[in-house]
């Protein structure tokens, strides 16, 4: 029974990490690049307004950062639950 409880805790934490990652990705790509673009038009980054910059460059940088953060967090979670490779 303890093994089942540990397995459930692992997958619950895993799904939560994925949900947080998807929320950050959605907010940065769709939210800042499309929905909030008019509100971000006055903020300049690299010669372009922030909304345009997030749609063209920023969301890609955020996505790459999310990959590295996900890897670190999942490796830590794997070690905590004894399922590391």
C-alpha atoms as a PDB file:
ATOM      1  CA  UNK A   1       0.000   0.000   0.000  1.00  0.00           C
ATOM      2  CA  UNK A   2       2.892   2.370   0.737  1.00  0.00           C
ATOM      3  CA  UNK A   3       4.262   1.731  -2.756  1.00  0.00           C
ATOM      4  CA  UNK A   4       0.900   2.701  -4.301  1.00  0.00           C
ATOM      5  CA  UNK A   5       0.761   5.848  -2.165  1.00  0.00           C
ATOM      6  CA  UNK A   6       4.284   6.828  -3.237  1.00  0.00           C
ATOM      7  CA  UNK A   7       3.418   6.184  -6.880  1.00  0.00           C
ATOM      8  CA  UNK A   8       0.294   8.352  -6.623  1.00  0.00           C
ATOM      9  CA  UNK A   9       2.270  11.150  -4.959  1.00  0.00           C
ATOM     10  CA  UNK A  10       4.899  10.967  -7.713  1.00  0.00           C
ATOM     11  CA  UNK A  11       2.365  11.206 -10.528  1.00  0.00           C
ATOM     12  CA  UNK A  12       0.405  13.937  -8.770  1.00  0.00           C
ATOM     13  CA  UNK A  13       3.608  16.007  -8.470  1.00  0.00           C
ATOM     14  CA  UNK A  14       4.523  15.174 -12.082  1.00  0.00           C
ATOM     15  CA  UNK A  15       1.147  16.367 -13.410  1.00  0.00           C
ATOM     16  CA  UNK A  16       1.369  19.540 -11.301  1.00  0.00           C
ATOM     17  CA  UNK A  17       4.799  20.368 -12.771  1.00  0.00           C
ATOM     18  CA  UNK A  18       3.428  19.849 -16.282  1.00  0.00           C
ATOM     19  CA  UNK A  19       0.397  22.056 -15.557  1.00  0.00           C
ATOM     20  CA  UNK A  20       2.571  24.868 -14.211  1.00  0.00           C
ATOM     21  CA  UNK A  21       4.903  24.609 -17.223  1.00  0.00           C
ATOM     22  CA  UNK A  22       1.977  24.755 -19.648  1.00  0.00           C
ATOM     23  CA  UNK A  23       0.482  27.741 -17.832  1.00  0.00           C
ATOM     24  CA  UNK A  24       3.771  29.669 -18.001  1.00  0.00           C
ATOM     25  CA  UNK A  25       4.164  28.764 -21.675  1.00  0.00           C
ATOM     26  CA  UNK A  26       0.572  29.835 -22.466  1.00  0.00           C
ATOM     27  CA  UNK A  27       0.860  33.141 -20.609  1.00  0.00           C
ATOM     28  CA  UNK A  28       4.165  34.029 -22.260  1.00  0.00           C
ATOM     29  CA  UNK A  29       3.336  32.953 -25.806  1.00  0.00           C
ATOM     30  CA  UNK A  30      -0.389  33.433 -26.301  1.00  0.00           C
ATOM     31  CA  UNK A  31      -1.069  35.881 -23.478  1.00  0.00           C
ATOM     32  CA  UNK A  32       1.787  38.330 -23.941  1.00  0.00           C
ATOM     33  CA  UNK A  33       2.174  37.827 -27.692  1.00  0.00           C
ATOM     34  CA  UNK A  34      -1.489  38.096 -28.690  1.00  0.00           C
ATOM     35  CA  UNK A  35      -3.946  38.995 -25.922  1.00  0.00           C
ATOM     36  CA  UNK A  36      -1.836  41.562 -24.036  1.00  0.00           C
ATOM     37  CA  UNK A  37       0.027  42.888 -27.082  1.00  0.00           C
ATOM     38  CA  UNK A  38      -1.852  46.232 -27.187  1.00  0.00           C
ATOM     39  CA  UNK A  39      -1.199  46.809 -23.481  1.00  0.00           C
ATOM     40  CA  UNK A  40       2.513  46.051 -23.924  1.00  0.00           C
ATOM     41  CA  UNK A  41       2.986  48.291 -26.966  1.00  0.00           C
ATOM     42  CA  UNK A  42       4.518  51.156 -24.971  1.00  0.00           C
ATOM     43  CA  UNK A  43       7.332  49.066 -23.500  1.00  0.00           C
ATOM     44  CA  UNK A  44      10.308  48.886 -25.857  1.00  0.00           C
ATOM     45  CA  UNK A  45      12.718  45.919 -25.954  1.00  0.00           C
ATOM     46  CA  UNK A  46      15.488  45.804 -28.539  1.00  0.00           C
ATOM     47  CA  UNK A  47      13.837  48.369 -30.816  1.00  0.00           C
ATOM     48  CA  UNK A  48      10.395  46.708 -30.810  1.00  0.00           C
ATOM     49  CA  UNK A  49       7.469  46.817 -28.429  1.00  0.00           C
ATOM     50  CA  UNK A  50       7.317  44.087 -25.776  1.00  0.00           C
ATOM     51  CA  UNK A  51       4.230  42.357 -27.217  1.00  0.00           C
ATOM     52  CA  UNK A  52       5.876  41.977 -30.626  1.00  0.00           C
ATOM     53  CA  UNK A  53       9.162  40.930 -29.049  1.00  0.00           C
ATOM     54  CA  UNK A  54       7.436  38.259 -26.931  1.00  0.00           C
ATOM     55  CA  UNK A  55       5.586  36.922 -29.982  1.00  0.00           C
ATOM     56  CA  UNK A  56       8.749  36.750 -32.099  1.00  0.00           C
ATOM     57  CA  UNK A  57      11.594  36.057 -29.654  1.00  0.00           C
ATOM     58  CA  UNK A  58      10.582  36.018 -26.013  1.00  0.00           C
ATOM     59  CA  UNK A  59       8.248  33.043 -26.161  1.00  0.00           C
ATOM     60  CA  UNK A  60      11.019  30.964 -27.757  1.00  0.00           C
ATOM     61  CA  UNK A  61      13.452  31.953 -24.984  1.00  0.00           C
ATOM     62  CA  UNK A  62      10.833  31.150 -22.349  1.00  0.00           C
ATOM     63  CA  UNK A  63      10.166  27.769 -23.983  1.00  0.00           C
ATOM     64  CA  UNK A  64      13.872  26.879 -23.973  1.00  0.00           C
ATOM     65  CA  UNK A  65      14.181  27.982 -20.341  1.00  0.00           C
ATOM     66  CA  UNK A  66      11.135  25.860 -19.464  1.00  0.00           C
ATOM     67  CA  UNK A  67      12.828  22.801 -20.967  1.00  0.00           C
ATOM     68  CA  UNK A  68      15.859  23.252 -18.711  1.00  0.00           C
ATOM     69  CA  UNK A  69      13.766  24.060 -15.625  1.00  0.00           C
ATOM     70  CA  UNK A  70      11.531  21.034 -16.286  1.00  0.00           C
ATOM     71  CA  UNK A  71      14.591  18.794 -16.560  1.00  0.00           C
ATOM     72  CA  UNK A  72      16.052  20.004 -13.255  1.00  0.00           C
ATOM     73  CA  UNK A  73      12.734  19.792 -11.400  1.00  0.00           C
ATOM     74  CA  UNK A  74      11.894  16.336 -12.764  1.00  0.00           C
ATOM     75  CA  UNK A  75      15.363  15.000 -11.921  1.00  0.00           C
ATOM     76  CA  UNK A  76      14.894  16.247  -8.349  1.00  0.00           C
ATOM     77  CA  UNK A  77      11.428  14.683  -8.171  1.00  0.00           C
ATOM     78  CA  UNK A  78      12.776  11.390  -9.539  1.00  0.00           C
ATOM     79  CA  UNK A  79      15.504  11.327  -6.869  1.00  0.00           C
ATOM     80  CA  UNK A  80      12.981  12.085  -4.113  1.00  0.00           C
ATOM     81  CA  UNK A  81      10.798   9.145  -5.176  1.00  0.00           C
ATOM     82  CA  UNK A  82      13.640   6.755  -6.029  1.00  0.00           C
ATOM     83  CA  UNK A  83      12.843   6.389  -9.725  1.00  0.00           C
ATOM     84  CA  UNK A  84      15.905   8.089 -11.208  1.00  0.00           C
ATOM     85  CA  UNK A  85      17.640   6.434 -14.130  1.00  0.00           C
END
